[in-house]
Amino acid sequence: MDADNQAGKAQYDKSFIDIAYLFGVYLGDGCCPKSRGYMFRIVSADKDVIEKTRTIVNQLINRNISIKEIMPNKTKLYDFRVYDKKLFEMLTSQTNRKSKIPEFVINSDKKIKSEFIAGLMDTDGYISTGTNRFGWQRFSLGFINSGKWTDQFIILLRDTGIKVGKKTLKKKYRSIKEKDCYQININLRSFVENSLYFKCQRKQELLEKYKVNVKYQSY
């Protein structure tokens, strides 16, 4: 392969990697409201996740949309929104309006799947730590979402080599009219051994801490 072809392949791969992450973020905390024209929006307390999303979107649509800070309930959040018909149609059509995982992710190689998983875990995934009754530090990893595609995500994780527990229905705290929200527990050791990761620094730092303390874990 000559230099031009190598450069072209690298750019192609980078583009699909970024798009895979964007779809993960979209299915997690992102939205494309029907009543707001061709808008894509995501709000998060994690500024680095919003900045990465902003960079990907701006490169895709060749614009320079900025991030806004908002303070609902005295909590600082970062809000990124953009109006673009092609972006809107790409996100909504390939996910059938957030009801399925895009086919290109399901049929892709591990790197693309890993970036998609990172996008979902950066938004709706969690990693937490505590102390067990013996005084040892314990870590837990999981995911919570109401999406119709949750079963697809479980299959995708298992196809990537990740051990996943049962899907459980979360209790409704605010109203019985809330959407059914499901939680899945993810085996941390298999997550690490298969080179999965977060792009969210806050969560990745805990993952790195787990790697140091892995000798205290039981599986």
N, C-alpha and C. Protein backbone atom coordinates (compact mmCIF):
# COMPACT_ATOMS: atom_id res chain seq x y z
N MET A 1 0.85 -1.20 0.00
CA MET A 1 0.00 0.00 0.00
C MET A 1 0.89 1.25 0.00
N ASP A 2 0.62 2.19 -0.90
CA ASP A 2 1.45 3.39 -0.95
C ASP A 2 1.05 4.37 0.14
N ALA A 3 1.84 5.46 0.25
CA ALA A 3 1.64 6.41 1.34
C ALA A 3 0.26 7.05 1.29
N ASP A 4 -0.21 7.39 0.09
CA ASP A 4 -1.52 8.02 -0.05
C ASP A 4 -2.63 7.09 0.43
N ASN A 5 -2.53 5.82 0.04
CA ASN A 5 -3.53 4.85 0.46
C ASN A 5 -3.50 4.63 1.97
N GLN A 6 -2.29 4.59 2.53
CA GLN A 6 -2.17 4.42 3.97
C GLN A 6 -2.81 5.58 4.71
N ALA A 7 -2.53 6.80 4.22
CA ALA A 7 -3.12 7.98 4.84
C ALA A 7 -4.64 7.97 4.72
N GLY A 8 -5.12 7.56 3.55
CA GLY A 8 -6.56 7.49 3.33
C GLY A 8 -7.22 6.48 4.25
N LYS A 9 -6.58 5.31 4.41
CA LYS A 9 -7.13 4.28 5.29
C LYS A 9 -7.14 4.76 6.74
N ALA A 10 -6.06 5.45 7.15
CA ALA A 10 -5.99 5.96 8.52
C ALA A 10 -7.10 6.96 8.77
N GLN A 11 -7.35 7.85 7.79
CA GLN A 11 -8.42 8.84 7.94
C GLN A 11 -9.78 8.16 7.98
N TYR A 12 -9.96 7.14 7.15
CA TYR A 12 -11.22 6.38 7.12
C TYR A 12 -11.46 5.71 8.46
N ASP A 13 -10.42 5.07 9.00
CA ASP A 13 -10.55 4.39 10.28
C ASP A 13 -10.85 5.39 11.39
N LYS A 14 -10.15 6.52 11.40
CA LYS A 14 -10.35 7.54 12.44
C LYS A 14 -11.77 8.08 12.38
N SER A 15 -12.29 8.29 11.17
CA SER A 15 -13.64 8.79 11.02
C SER A 15 -14.66 7.82 11.60
N PHE A 16 -14.52 6.54 11.29
CA PHE A 16 -15.47 5.55 11.79
C PHE A 16 -15.34 5.36 13.29
N ILE A 17 -14.13 5.48 13.82
CA ILE A 17 -13.93 5.39 15.26
C ILE A 17 -14.66 6.52 15.96
N ASP A 18 -14.50 7.74 15.45
CA ASP A 18 -15.18 8.90 16.03
C ASP A 18 -16.70 8.77 15.93
N ILE A 19 -17.19 8.31 14.78
CA ILE A 19 -18.63 8.17 14.59
C ILE A 19 -19.20 7.10 15.52
N ALA A 20 -18.43 6.02 15.73
CA ALA A 20 -18.88 4.98 16.66
C ALA A 20 -19.03 5.55 18.07
N TYR A 21 -18.07 6.36 18.50
CA TYR A 21 -18.16 6.99 19.82
C TYR A 21 -19.38 7.91 19.88
N LEU A 22 -19.60 8.68 18.83
CA LEU A 22 -20.74 9.60 18.78
C LEU A 22 -22.07 8.85 18.90
N PHE A 23 -22.19 7.72 18.23
CA PHE A 23 -23.42 6.94 18.33
C PHE A 23 -23.61 6.40 19.75
N GLY A 24 -22.50 6.01 20.41
CA GLY A 24 -22.60 5.56 21.79
C GLY A 24 -23.11 6.67 22.70
N VAL A 25 -22.56 7.87 22.52
CA VAL A 25 -22.98 9.03 23.30
C VAL A 25 -24.45 9.36 23.02
N TYR A 26 -24.84 9.28 21.75
CA TYR A 26 -26.23 9.58 21.37
C TYR A 26 -27.20 8.60 22.01
N LEU A 27 -26.91 7.31 21.95
CA LEU A 27 -27.81 6.34 22.54
C LEU A 27 -27.81 6.43 24.06
N GLY A 28 -26.73 6.96 24.63
CA GLY A 28 -26.67 7.15 26.07
C GLY A 28 -27.45 8.39 26.49
N ASP A 29 -26.78 9.51 26.55
CA ASP A 29 -27.42 10.75 27.04
C ASP A 29 -27.86 11.71 25.94
N GLY A 30 -27.57 11.41 24.69
CA GLY A 30 -27.92 12.32 23.61
C GLY A 30 -29.38 12.25 23.23
N CYS A 31 -29.83 13.24 22.48
CA CYS A 31 -31.21 13.21 22.00
C CYS A 31 -31.33 14.03 20.72
N CYS A 32 -32.34 13.69 19.93
CA CYS A 32 -32.70 14.45 18.74
C CYS A 32 -34.20 14.67 18.82
N PRO A 33 -34.63 15.71 19.55
CA PRO A 33 -36.07 15.93 19.77
C PRO A 33 -36.83 16.18 18.47
N LYS A 34 -37.98 15.55 18.32
CA LYS A 34 -38.79 15.70 17.12
C LYS A 34 -39.32 17.13 16.97
N SER A 35 -39.58 17.78 18.08
CA SER A 35 -40.23 19.09 18.04
C SER A 35 -39.25 20.26 17.93
N ARG A 36 -37.95 19.99 17.82
CA ARG A 36 -36.96 21.06 17.82
C ARG A 36 -36.21 21.17 16.49
N GLY A 37 -36.86 20.83 15.41
CA GLY A 37 -36.18 20.88 14.12
C GLY A 37 -35.15 19.75 14.04
N TYR A 38 -34.05 20.03 13.38
CA TYR A 38 -33.01 19.00 13.20
C TYR A 38 -31.91 19.18 14.24
N MET A 39 -32.29 19.03 15.51
CA MET A 39 -31.35 19.29 16.59
C MET A 39 -30.77 18.02 17.18
N PHE A 40 -29.48 18.05 17.49
CA PHE A 40 -28.83 17.05 18.32
C PHE A 40 -28.36 17.76 19.57
N ARG A 41 -28.60 17.14 20.73
CA ARG A 41 -28.23 17.76 21.99
C ARG A 41 -27.73 16.72 22.98
N ILE A 42 -26.76 17.12 23.78
CA ILE A 42 -26.32 16.30 24.89
C ILE A 42 -25.93 17.21 26.04
N VAL A 43 -26.32 16.81 27.26
CA VAL A 43 -26.01 17.55 28.47
C VAL A 43 -25.35 16.59 29.46
N SER A 44 -24.28 17.03 30.10
CA SER A 44 -23.56 16.17 31.04
C SER A 44 -22.78 17.00 32.04
N ALA A 45 -22.51 16.42 33.19
CA ALA A 45 -21.64 17.06 34.18
C ALA A 45 -20.18 16.84 33.84
N ASP A 46 -19.90 15.90 32.94
CA ASP A 46 -18.52 15.59 32.56
C ASP A 46 -18.13 16.43 31.34
N LYS A 47 -17.38 17.49 31.59
CA LYS A 47 -17.02 18.43 30.53
C LYS A 47 -16.21 17.76 29.44
N ASP A 48 -15.32 16.82 29.80
CA ASP A 48 -14.47 16.20 28.79
C ASP A 48 -15.27 15.37 27.79
N VAL A 49 -16.35 14.75 28.25
CA VAL A 49 -17.22 13.98 27.34
C VAL A 49 -17.92 14.92 26.36
N ILE A 50 -18.39 16.05 26.86
CA ILE A 50 -19.06 17.03 26.00
C ILE A 50 -18.06 17.64 25.02
N GLU A 51 -16.85 17.91 25.47
CA GLU A 51 -15.83 18.49 24.59
C GLU A 51 -15.45 17.52 23.48
N LYS A 52 -15.34 16.24 23.81
CA LYS A 52 -15.00 15.25 22.78
C LYS A 52 -16.14 15.14 21.77
N THR A 53 -17.38 15.12 22.26
CA THR A 53 -18.54 15.06 21.37
C THR A 53 -18.56 16.29 20.47
N ARG A 54 -18.32 17.45 21.04
CA ARG A 54 -18.29 18.70 20.27
C ARG A 54 -17.25 18.63 19.16
N THR A 55 -16.05 18.14 19.48
CA THR A 55 -14.98 18.05 18.48
C THR A 55 -15.39 17.15 17.32
N ILE A 56 -15.97 15.99 17.64
CA ILE A 56 -16.38 15.04 16.60
C ILE A 56 -17.46 15.67 15.70
N VAL A 57 -18.48 16.26 16.32
CA VAL A 57 -19.59 16.84 15.56
C VAL A 57 -19.11 18.00 14.70
N ASN A 58 -18.31 18.89 15.26
CA ASN A 58 -17.82 20.04 14.50
C ASN A 58 -16.99 19.61 13.29
N GLN A 59 -16.22 18.53 13.45
CA GLN A 59 -15.45 18.02 12.31
C GLN A 59 -16.36 17.42 11.26
N LEU A 60 -17.42 16.75 11.69
CA LEU A 60 -18.35 16.12 10.76
C LEU A 60 -19.11 17.14 9.92
N ILE A 61 -19.52 18.23 10.56
CA ILE A 61 -20.37 19.20 9.86
C ILE A 61 -19.61 20.46 9.45
N ASN A 62 -18.31 20.47 9.76
CA ASN A 62 -17.45 21.59 9.38
C ASN A 62 -17.97 22.92 9.92
N ARG A 63 -18.24 22.92 11.20
CA ARG A 63 -18.68 24.14 11.88
C ARG A 63 -17.94 24.28 13.21
N ASN A 64 -18.23 25.33 13.94
CA ASN A 64 -17.56 25.57 15.21
C ASN A 64 -18.59 25.95 16.26
N ILE A 65 -19.40 24.97 16.66
CA ILE A 65 -20.44 25.19 17.64
C ILE A 65 -19.82 25.11 19.04
N SER A 66 -20.18 26.02 19.91
CA SER A 66 -19.59 26.07 21.25
C SER A 66 -20.44 25.34 22.28
N ILE A 67 -19.88 25.15 23.45
CA ILE A 67 -20.55 24.52 24.58
C ILE A 67 -21.06 25.60 25.52
N LYS A 68 -22.23 25.38 26.09
CA LYS A 68 -22.78 26.32 27.07
C LYS A 68 -22.79 25.67 28.46
N GLU A 69 -22.60 26.49 29.47
CA GLU A 69 -22.74 26.04 30.85
C GLU A 69 -24.13 26.39 31.34
N ILE A 70 -24.79 25.43 31.97
CA ILE A 70 -26.12 25.68 32.54
C ILE A 70 -26.10 25.25 34.01
N MET A 71 -27.04 25.78 34.78
CA MET A 71 -27.04 25.51 36.23
C MET A 71 -28.43 25.11 36.72
N PRO A 72 -28.98 24.01 36.24
CA PRO A 72 -30.27 23.56 36.79
C PRO A 72 -30.07 23.00 38.20
N ASN A 73 -30.91 23.40 39.12
CA ASN A 73 -30.82 22.91 40.50
C ASN A 73 -29.44 23.14 41.12
N LYS A 74 -28.81 24.26 40.73
CA LYS A 74 -27.51 24.67 41.28
C LYS A 74 -26.39 23.66 40.98
N THR A 75 -26.56 22.88 39.94
CA THR A 75 -25.54 21.91 39.51
C THR A 75 -25.00 22.34 38.15
N LYS A 76 -23.68 22.51 38.07
CA LYS A 76 -23.10 22.93 36.80
C LYS A 76 -23.11 21.77 35.80
N LEU A 77 -23.72 22.01 34.65
CA LEU A 77 -23.76 21.04 33.58
C LEU A 77 -23.26 21.70 32.29
N TYR A 78 -22.85 20.85 31.35
CA TYR A 78 -22.34 21.34 30.07
C TYR A 78 -23.30 20.90 28.97
N ASP A 79 -23.73 21.86 28.19
CA ASP A 79 -24.79 21.66 27.20
C ASP A 79 -24.23 21.92 25.80
N PHE A 80 -24.34 20.90 24.96
CA PHE A 80 -23.93 21.05 23.56
C PHE A 80 -25.11 20.73 22.68
N ARG A 81 -25.47 21.67 21.82
CA ARG A 81 -26.58 21.44 20.89
C ARG A 81 -26.22 22.01 19.52
N VAL A 82 -26.71 21.34 18.51
CA VAL A 82 -26.43 21.78 17.15
C VAL A 82 -27.62 21.43 16.27
N TYR A 83 -27.90 22.31 15.32
CA TYR A 83 -28.96 22.07 14.34
C TYR A 83 -28.32 21.74 13.00
N ASP A 84 -28.51 20.52 12.55
CA ASP A 84 -27.93 20.09 11.28
C ASP A 84 -28.74 18.90 10.76
N LYS A 85 -29.32 19.04 9.60
CA LYS A 85 -30.22 18.02 9.07
C LYS A 85 -29.51 16.70 8.81
N LYS A 86 -28.33 16.76 8.19
CA LYS A 86 -27.62 15.51 7.86
C LYS A 86 -27.21 14.76 9.12
N LEU A 87 -26.72 15.47 10.11
CA LEU A 87 -26.35 14.84 11.37
C LEU A 87 -27.56 14.22 12.05
N PHE A 88 -28.64 14.98 12.09
CA PHE A 88 -29.89 14.51 12.69
C PHE A 88 -30.37 13.22 12.01
N GLU A 89 -30.37 13.23 10.69
CA GLU A 89 -30.87 12.07 9.94
C GLU A 89 -29.94 10.87 10.09
N MET A 90 -28.64 11.10 10.16
CA MET A 90 -27.69 10.00 10.36
C MET A 90 -27.94 9.32 11.70
N LEU A 91 -28.06 10.11 12.75
CA LEU A 91 -28.24 9.55 14.09
C LEU A 91 -29.58 8.85 14.24
N THR A 92 -30.65 9.48 13.76
CA THR A 92 -31.98 8.91 13.95
C THR A 92 -32.26 7.72 13.03
N SER A 93 -31.78 7.78 11.80
CA SER A 93 -32.09 6.71 10.85
C SER A 93 -31.32 5.43 11.18
N GLN A 94 -30.04 5.56 11.52
CA GLN A 94 -29.24 4.35 11.77
C GLN A 94 -29.57 3.69 13.10
N THR A 95 -30.25 4.42 13.97
CA THR A 95 -30.68 3.83 15.25
C THR A 95 -32.19 3.64 15.32
N ASN A 96 -32.89 3.94 14.20
CA ASN A 96 -34.35 3.89 14.19
C ASN A 96 -34.90 4.66 15.40
N ARG A 97 -34.42 5.90 15.53
CA ARG A 97 -34.80 6.80 16.63
C ARG A 97 -34.54 6.17 18.00
N LYS A 98 -33.29 5.80 18.19
CA LYS A 98 -32.79 5.29 19.47
C LYS A 98 -33.43 3.97 19.89
N SER A 99 -33.82 3.15 18.94
CA SER A 99 -34.42 1.87 19.29
C SER A 99 -33.52 0.68 18.95
N LYS A 100 -32.36 0.94 18.32
CA LYS A 100 -31.44 -0.16 18.01
C LYS A 100 -30.02 0.38 17.87
N ILE A 101 -29.07 -0.52 17.99
CA ILE A 101 -27.66 -0.19 17.77
C ILE A 101 -27.39 -0.22 16.27
N PRO A 102 -26.64 0.74 15.75
CA PRO A 102 -26.38 0.78 14.30
C PRO A 102 -25.74 -0.52 13.79
N GLU A 103 -26.15 -0.93 12.60
CA GLU A 103 -25.63 -2.16 12.01
C GLU A 103 -24.12 -2.09 11.81
N PHE A 104 -23.60 -0.90 11.45
CA PHE A 104 -22.17 -0.82 11.18
C PHE A 104 -21.35 -1.09 12.43
N VAL A 105 -21.92 -0.80 13.62
CA VAL A 105 -21.23 -1.12 14.87
C VAL A 105 -21.25 -2.62 15.12
N ILE A 106 -22.41 -3.21 14.98
CA ILE A 106 -22.57 -4.64 15.24
C ILE A 106 -21.66 -5.47 14.33
N ASN A 107 -21.51 -5.03 13.07
CA ASN A 107 -20.74 -5.79 12.09
C ASN A 107 -19.29 -5.34 11.95
N SER A 108 -18.83 -4.51 12.87
CA SER A 108 -17.49 -3.94 12.74
C SER A 108 -16.45 -4.73 13.53
N ASP A 109 -15.20 -4.26 13.46
CA ASP A 109 -14.14 -4.91 14.22
C ASP A 109 -14.16 -4.42 15.67
N LYS A 110 -13.26 -4.98 16.47
CA LYS A 110 -13.28 -4.71 17.91
C LYS A 110 -13.01 -3.25 18.23
N LYS A 111 -12.15 -2.57 17.47
CA LYS A 111 -11.82 -1.18 17.76
C LYS A 111 -13.06 -0.30 17.64
N ILE A 112 -13.85 -0.51 16.60
CA ILE A 112 -15.07 0.27 16.42
C ILE A 112 -16.06 -0.02 17.55
N LYS A 113 -16.22 -1.31 17.86
CA LYS A 113 -17.12 -1.69 18.95
C LYS A 113 -16.66 -1.09 20.28
N SER A 114 -15.35 -1.08 20.51
CA SER A 114 -14.81 -0.54 21.76
C SER A 114 -15.10 0.94 21.90
N GLU A 115 -15.01 1.69 20.81
CA GLU A 115 -15.29 3.12 20.86
C GLU A 115 -16.78 3.37 21.11
N PHE A 116 -17.62 2.56 20.49
CA PHE A 116 -19.05 2.68 20.72
C PHE A 116 -19.37 2.38 22.19
N ILE A 117 -18.78 1.32 22.72
CA ILE A 117 -18.98 0.96 24.12
C ILE A 117 -18.49 2.09 25.03
N ALA A 118 -17.34 2.69 24.69
CA ALA A 118 -16.81 3.80 25.48
C ALA A 118 -17.80 4.97 25.51
N GLY A 119 -18.42 5.27 24.37
CA GLY A 119 -19.41 6.35 24.31
C GLY A 119 -20.60 6.08 25.21
N LEU A 120 -21.08 4.84 25.20
CA LEU A 120 -22.20 4.47 26.06
C LEU A 120 -21.80 4.48 27.54
N MET A 121 -20.63 3.93 27.83
CA MET A 121 -20.19 3.86 29.22
C MET A 121 -19.83 5.24 29.77
N ASP A 122 -19.33 6.15 28.92
CA ASP A 122 -19.04 7.51 29.36
C ASP A 122 -20.31 8.25 29.78
N THR A 123 -21.43 7.88 29.18
CA THR A 123 -22.68 8.59 29.45
C THR A 123 -23.54 7.85 30.47
N ASP A 124 -23.92 6.62 30.20
CA ASP A 124 -24.84 5.90 31.08
C ASP A 124 -24.20 4.75 31.85
N GLY A 125 -22.90 4.58 31.71
CA GLY A 125 -22.21 3.56 32.49
C GLY A 125 -21.73 4.14 33.81
N TYR A 126 -21.35 3.26 34.73
CA TYR A 126 -20.81 3.73 36.01
C TYR A 126 -19.71 2.78 36.48
N ILE A 127 -18.79 3.32 37.24
CA ILE A 127 -17.81 2.55 37.97
C ILE A 127 -17.72 3.17 39.35
N SER A 128 -17.81 2.35 40.37
CA SER A 128 -17.83 2.87 41.73
C SER A 128 -16.95 2.01 42.63
N THR A 129 -16.62 2.56 43.77
CA THR A 129 -15.75 1.84 44.71
C THR A 129 -16.30 1.96 46.12
N GLY A 130 -16.01 0.96 46.93
CA GLY A 130 -16.43 0.95 48.32
C GLY A 130 -15.56 -0.02 49.10
N THR A 131 -15.94 -0.31 50.30
CA THR A 131 -15.17 -1.21 51.17
C THR A 131 -16.06 -2.35 51.63
N ASN A 132 -15.55 -3.59 51.52
CA ASN A 132 -16.35 -4.72 51.97
C ASN A 132 -16.16 -4.95 53.48
N ARG A 133 -16.81 -5.96 54.02
CA ARG A 133 -16.80 -6.18 55.47
C ARG A 133 -15.43 -6.57 56.01
N PHE A 134 -14.52 -6.93 55.11
CA PHE A 134 -13.16 -7.27 55.53
C PHE A 134 -12.23 -6.06 55.44
N GLY A 135 -12.77 -4.92 55.02
CA GLY A 135 -11.97 -3.71 54.90
C GLY A 135 -11.24 -3.60 53.58
N TRP A 136 -11.53 -4.49 52.63
CA TRP A 136 -10.87 -4.44 51.33
C TRP A 136 -11.67 -3.54 50.38
N GLN A 137 -10.96 -2.87 49.53
CA GLN A 137 -11.60 -2.00 48.55
C GLN A 137 -12.25 -2.84 47.45
N ARG A 138 -13.50 -2.50 47.16
CA ARG A 138 -14.24 -3.22 46.12
C ARG A 138 -14.67 -2.24 45.03
N PHE A 139 -14.68 -2.75 43.82
CA PHE A 139 -15.10 -1.94 42.68
C PHE A 139 -16.27 -2.61 41.98
N SER A 140 -17.16 -1.80 41.42
CA SER A 140 -18.27 -2.35 40.64
C SER A 140 -18.43 -1.55 39.35
N LEU A 141 -18.88 -2.26 38.33
CA LEU A 141 -19.04 -1.67 37.00
C LEU A 141 -20.41 -2.06 36.48
N GLY A 142 -21.09 -1.12 35.87
CA GLY A 142 -22.41 -1.44 35.34
C GLY A 142 -22.93 -0.37 34.40
N PHE A 143 -24.19 -0.55 34.04
CA PHE A 143 -24.81 0.30 33.02
C PHE A 143 -26.30 0.38 33.29
N ILE A 144 -26.87 1.57 33.16
CA ILE A 144 -28.30 1.77 33.39
C ILE A 144 -28.89 2.57 32.24
N ASN A 145 -29.96 2.06 31.64
CA ASN A 145 -30.60 2.76 30.53
C ASN A 145 -32.00 2.18 30.32
N SER A 146 -32.85 2.96 29.68
CA SER A 146 -34.21 2.50 29.38
C SER A 146 -34.36 2.11 27.91
N GLY A 147 -33.25 2.11 27.16
CA GLY A 147 -33.31 1.88 25.73
C GLY A 147 -33.81 0.50 25.32
N LYS A 148 -34.52 0.46 24.20
CA LYS A 148 -35.00 -0.81 23.66
C LYS A 148 -33.85 -1.69 23.19
N TRP A 149 -32.68 -1.09 23.00
CA TRP A 149 -31.52 -1.78 22.46
C TRP A 149 -30.65 -2.40 23.55
N THR A 150 -31.10 -2.38 24.81
CA THR A 150 -30.28 -2.88 25.92
C THR A 150 -29.87 -4.33 25.72
N ASP A 151 -30.78 -5.17 25.24
CA ASP A 151 -30.44 -6.57 25.00
C ASP A 151 -29.37 -6.69 23.90
N GLN A 152 -29.46 -5.84 22.89
CA GLN A 152 -28.44 -5.82 21.85
C GLN A 152 -27.07 -5.45 22.43
N PHE A 153 -27.08 -4.51 23.37
CA PHE A 153 -25.84 -4.07 24.00
C PHE A 153 -25.21 -5.20 24.81
N ILE A 154 -26.05 -5.96 25.50
CA ILE A 154 -25.54 -7.12 26.26
C ILE A 154 -24.87 -8.11 25.32
N ILE A 155 -25.51 -8.38 24.19
CA ILE A 155 -24.93 -9.31 23.19
C ILE A 155 -23.62 -8.75 22.66
N LEU A 156 -23.59 -7.44 22.39
CA LEU A 156 -22.38 -6.80 21.87
C LEU A 156 -21.24 -6.93 22.88
N LEU A 157 -21.52 -6.69 24.15
CA LEU A 157 -20.50 -6.83 25.19
C LEU A 157 -19.97 -8.26 25.23
N ARG A 158 -20.86 -9.22 25.20
CA ARG A 158 -20.45 -10.63 25.26
C ARG A 158 -19.65 -11.03 24.03
N ASP A 159 -20.04 -10.50 22.87
CA ASP A 159 -19.28 -10.78 21.65
C ASP A 159 -17.88 -10.19 21.71
N THR A 160 -17.71 -9.15 22.53
CA THR A 160 -16.41 -8.51 22.68
C THR A 160 -15.59 -9.19 23.78
N GLY A 161 -16.16 -10.20 24.41
CA GLY A 161 -15.44 -10.95 25.44
C GLY A 161 -15.76 -10.53 26.86
N ILE A 162 -16.76 -9.67 27.03
CA ILE A 162 -17.10 -9.16 28.35
C ILE A 162 -18.15 -10.05 29.02
N LYS A 163 -17.93 -10.36 30.29
CA LYS A 163 -18.91 -11.11 31.05
C LYS A 163 -19.95 -10.14 31.62
N VAL A 164 -21.22 -10.47 31.40
CA VAL A 164 -22.31 -9.58 31.79
C VAL A 164 -23.31 -10.34 32.64
N GLY A 165 -23.78 -9.70 33.72
CA GLY A 165 -24.78 -10.31 34.58
C GLY A 165 -26.18 -10.16 34.02
N LYS A 166 -27.16 -10.52 34.83
CA LYS A 166 -28.54 -10.44 34.40
C LYS A 166 -29.02 -8.99 34.31
N LYS A 167 -29.95 -8.74 33.42
CA LYS A 167 -30.59 -7.44 33.31
C LYS A 167 -31.69 -7.36 34.35
N THR A 168 -31.66 -6.31 35.18
CA THR A 168 -32.67 -6.17 36.23
C THR A 168 -33.41 -4.85 36.09
N LEU A 169 -34.69 -4.88 36.42
CA LEU A 169 -35.52 -3.68 36.34
C LEU A 169 -35.29 -2.80 37.56
N LYS A 170 -34.98 -1.54 37.32
CA LYS A 170 -34.74 -0.60 38.42
C LYS A 170 -36.06 -0.12 39.01
N LYS A 171 -36.03 0.16 40.31
CA LYS A 171 -37.21 0.67 40.99
C LYS A 171 -37.54 2.08 40.50
N LYS A 172 -38.83 2.38 40.37
CA LYS A 172 -39.26 3.72 39.96
C LYS A 172 -39.37 4.59 41.22
N TYR A 173 -38.58 5.66 41.27
CA TYR A 173 -38.55 6.51 42.46
C TYR A 173 -39.45 7.72 42.35
N ARG A 174 -39.60 8.27 41.16
CA ARG A 174 -40.35 9.52 41.02
C ARG A 174 -41.82 9.30 40.68
N SER A 175 -42.10 8.37 39.77
CA SER A 175 -43.47 8.16 39.34
C SER A 175 -43.59 6.79 38.68
N ILE A 176 -44.76 6.18 38.81
CA ILE A 176 -44.98 4.89 38.16
C ILE A 176 -45.05 5.05 36.65
N LYS A 177 -45.17 6.32 36.19
CA LYS A 177 -45.23 6.59 34.76
C LYS A 177 -43.84 6.67 34.12
N GLU A 178 -42.79 6.57 34.94
CA GLU A 178 -41.44 6.58 34.40
C GLU A 178 -41.24 5.39 33.45
N LYS A 179 -40.36 5.58 32.48
CA LYS A 179 -40.00 4.47 31.61
C LYS A 179 -39.32 3.37 32.41
N ASP A 180 -39.52 2.12 31.99
CA ASP A 180 -38.79 1.02 32.61
C ASP A 180 -37.30 1.20 32.35
N CYS A 181 -36.53 1.22 33.41
CA CYS A 181 -35.09 1.43 33.30
C CYS A 181 -34.38 0.18 33.80
N TYR A 182 -33.42 -0.31 33.03
CA TYR A 182 -32.75 -1.56 33.37
C TYR A 182 -31.28 -1.35 33.72
N GLN A 183 -30.81 -2.17 34.64
CA GLN A 183 -29.42 -2.13 35.05
C GLN A 183 -28.76 -3.45 34.70
N ILE A 184 -27.54 -3.38 34.19
CA ILE A 184 -26.76 -4.60 33.96
C ILE A 184 -25.42 -4.45 34.68
N ASN A 185 -25.01 -5.52 35.34
CA ASN A 185 -23.71 -5.55 35.99
C ASN A 185 -22.68 -6.14 35.04
N ILE A 186 -21.51 -5.50 34.98
CA ILE A 186 -20.46 -5.89 34.05
C ILE A 186 -19.24 -6.33 34.83
N ASN A 187 -18.68 -7.48 34.47
CA ASN A 187 -17.50 -8.00 35.16
C ASN A 187 -16.28 -7.13 34.84
N LEU A 188 -15.72 -6.52 35.88
CA LEU A 188 -14.62 -5.59 35.69
C LEU A 188 -13.37 -6.26 35.13
N ARG A 189 -13.08 -7.43 35.61
CA ARG A 189 -11.87 -8.11 35.16
C ARG A 189 -11.92 -8.37 33.67
N SER A 190 -13.04 -8.85 33.18
CA SER A 190 -13.15 -9.13 31.74
C SER A 190 -13.14 -7.83 30.93
N PHE A 191 -13.66 -6.76 31.51
CA PHE A 191 -13.64 -5.44 30.87
C PHE A 191 -12.19 -5.00 30.65
N VAL A 192 -11.37 -5.15 31.67
CA VAL A 192 -9.96 -4.76 31.59
C VAL A 192 -9.17 -5.70 30.70
N GLU A 193 -9.38 -7.00 30.85
CA GLU A 193 -8.61 -7.98 30.07
C GLU A 193 -8.89 -7.87 28.58
N ASN A 194 -10.05 -7.33 28.22
CA ASN A 194 -10.37 -7.14 26.80
C ASN A 194 -10.08 -5.72 26.33
N SER A 195 -9.29 -5.00 27.14
CA SER A 195 -8.79 -3.66 26.77
C SER A 195 -9.89 -2.64 26.54
N LEU A 196 -11.01 -2.76 27.27
CA LEU A 196 -12.06 -1.76 27.19
C LEU A 196 -11.69 -0.59 28.09
N TYR A 197 -12.33 0.55 27.90
CA TYR A 197 -11.88 1.78 28.55
C TYR A 197 -12.99 2.81 28.56
N PHE A 198 -12.78 3.86 29.33
CA PHE A 198 -13.60 5.07 29.29
C PHE A 198 -12.80 6.17 28.62
N LYS A 199 -13.50 7.11 27.99
CA LYS A 199 -12.87 8.35 27.55
C LYS A 199 -13.10 9.44 28.60
N CYS A 200 -14.07 9.23 29.46
CA CYS A 200 -14.35 10.13 30.58
C CYS A 200 -13.24 9.97 31.62
N GLN A 201 -12.49 11.02 31.85
CA GLN A 201 -11.33 10.94 32.74
C GLN A 201 -11.70 10.51 34.15
N ARG A 202 -12.80 11.03 34.66
CA ARG A 202 -13.23 10.69 36.02
C ARG A 202 -13.42 9.19 36.19
N LYS A 203 -14.05 8.58 35.21
CA LYS A 203 -14.30 7.14 35.28
C LYS A 203 -13.05 6.33 34.96
N GLN A 204 -12.25 6.80 33.99
CA GLN A 204 -11.03 6.08 33.64
C GLN A 204 -10.05 6.06 34.81
N GLU A 205 -9.99 7.14 35.58
CA GLU A 205 -9.11 7.18 36.75
C GLU A 205 -9.49 6.10 37.76
N LEU A 206 -10.78 5.88 37.94
CA LEU A 206 -11.22 4.80 38.83
C LEU A 206 -10.86 3.43 38.26
N LEU A 207 -10.97 3.31 36.93
CA LEU A 207 -10.60 2.05 36.29
C LEU A 207 -9.11 1.77 36.48
N GLU A 208 -8.27 2.80 36.36
CA GLU A 208 -6.84 2.63 36.58
C GLU A 208 -6.56 2.27 38.03
N LYS A 209 -7.32 2.84 38.94
CA LYS A 209 -7.17 2.53 40.35
C LYS A 209 -7.53 1.07 40.61
N TYR A 210 -8.56 0.60 39.93
CA TYR A 210 -8.94 -0.81 40.05
C TYR A 210 -7.81 -1.72 39.62
N LYS A 211 -7.15 -1.38 38.51
CA LYS A 211 -6.06 -2.21 38.00
C LYS A 211 -4.96 -2.37 39.03
N VAL A 212 -4.70 -1.30 39.79
CA VAL A 212 -3.68 -1.35 40.83
C VAL A 212 -4.13 -2.23 42.00
N ASN A 213 -5.43 -2.19 42.28
CA ASN A 213 -5.98 -2.91 43.43
C ASN A 213 -6.62 -4.24 43.08
N VAL A 214 -6.39 -4.72 41.88
CA VAL A 214 -7.09 -5.92 41.40
C VAL A 214 -6.83 -7.14 42.28
N LYS A 215 -5.70 -7.18 42.97
CA LYS A 215 -5.38 -8.33 43.82
C LYS A 215 -6.38 -8.51 44.95
N TYR A 216 -7.16 -7.44 45.25
CA TYR A 216 -8.13 -7.53 46.32
C TYR A 216 -9.49 -8.03 45.86
N GLN A 217 -9.61 -8.24 44.55
CA GLN A 217 -10.92 -8.61 44.00
C GLN A 217 -11.12 -10.12 44.00
N SER A 218 -12.35 -10.54 44.11
CA SER A 218 -12.74 -11.94 43.91
C SER A 218 -13.76 -11.96 42.78
N TYR A 219 -13.81 -13.06 42.05
CA TYR A 219 -14.70 -13.11 40.88
C TYR A 219 -15.56 -14.35 40.94
